[in-house]
Amino acid sequence: SVTMVSPSGRQGQMTRLHCPNR
């Protein structure tokens, strides 16, 4: 789950999908 841990990078693209905080 590195995608959720680093939302500040290219992995952040998947994080915003899982965590639509915006």
N, C-alpha and C. Protein backbone atom coordinates (compact mmCIF):
# COMPACT_ATOMS: atom_id res chain seq x y z
N SER A 1 0.85 -1.20 0.00
CA SER A 1 0.00 0.00 0.00
C SER A 1 0.88 1.25 0.00
N VAL A 2 1.94 1.18 -0.78
CA VAL A 2 2.83 2.35 -0.85
C VAL A 2 2.10 3.51 -1.51
N THR A 3 1.08 3.19 -2.29
CA THR A 3 0.35 4.24 -2.98
C THR A 3 -0.36 5.14 -1.98
N MET A 4 -0.87 4.56 -0.92
CA MET A 4 -1.60 5.36 0.06
C MET A 4 -0.63 6.10 0.99
N VAL A 5 0.56 5.53 1.15
CA VAL A 5 1.52 6.14 2.07
C VAL A 5 2.17 7.37 1.44
N SER A 6 2.40 7.31 0.13
CA SER A 6 3.04 8.46 -0.51
C SER A 6 2.11 9.10 -1.54
N PRO A 7 1.21 9.94 -1.08
CA PRO A 7 0.27 10.62 -1.98
C PRO A 7 0.95 11.81 -2.66
N SER A 8 2.20 12.05 -2.34
CA SER A 8 2.92 13.19 -2.92
C SER A 8 3.91 12.70 -3.97
N GLY A 9 3.39 12.19 -5.06
CA GLY A 9 4.28 11.67 -6.10
C GLY A 9 3.49 11.01 -7.21
N ARG A 10 4.13 10.24 -8.08
CA ARG A 10 3.39 9.61 -9.18
C ARG A 10 2.42 8.60 -8.59
N GLN A 11 2.71 8.09 -7.40
CA GLN A 11 1.79 7.12 -6.79
C GLN A 11 0.54 7.84 -6.28
N GLY A 12 0.64 9.15 -6.11
CA GLY A 12 -0.49 9.91 -5.60
C GLY A 12 -1.69 9.80 -6.53
N GLN A 13 -1.45 9.52 -7.79
CA GLN A 13 -2.55 9.41 -8.75
C GLN A 13 -3.53 8.33 -8.29
N MET A 14 -3.00 7.26 -7.72
CA MET A 14 -3.89 6.18 -7.28
C MET A 14 -4.45 6.50 -5.90
N THR A 15 -3.71 7.30 -5.14
CA THR A 15 -4.16 7.62 -3.79
C THR A 15 -5.42 8.48 -3.85
N ARG A 16 -5.45 9.45 -4.76
CA ARG A 16 -6.63 10.32 -4.85
C ARG A 16 -7.85 9.49 -5.26
N LEU A 17 -7.64 8.40 -5.93
CA LEU A 17 -8.77 7.56 -6.34
C LEU A 17 -9.30 6.80 -5.13
N HIS A 18 -8.38 6.39 -4.25
CA HIS A 18 -8.79 5.64 -3.06
C HIS A 18 -9.24 6.59 -1.96
N CYS A 19 -8.56 7.74 -1.90
CA CYS A 19 -8.89 8.72 -0.86
C CYS A 19 -9.25 10.04 -1.51
N PRO A 20 -10.47 10.19 -2.00
CA PRO A 20 -10.91 11.44 -2.64
C PRO A 20 -11.11 12.54 -1.60
N ASN A 21 -10.01 12.98 -1.01
CA ASN A 21 -10.10 14.00 0.03
C ASN A 21 -10.33 15.37 -0.60
N ARG A 22 -10.01 15.51 -1.90
CA ARG A 22 -10.17 16.80 -2.53
C ARG A 22 -11.59 16.91 -3.03
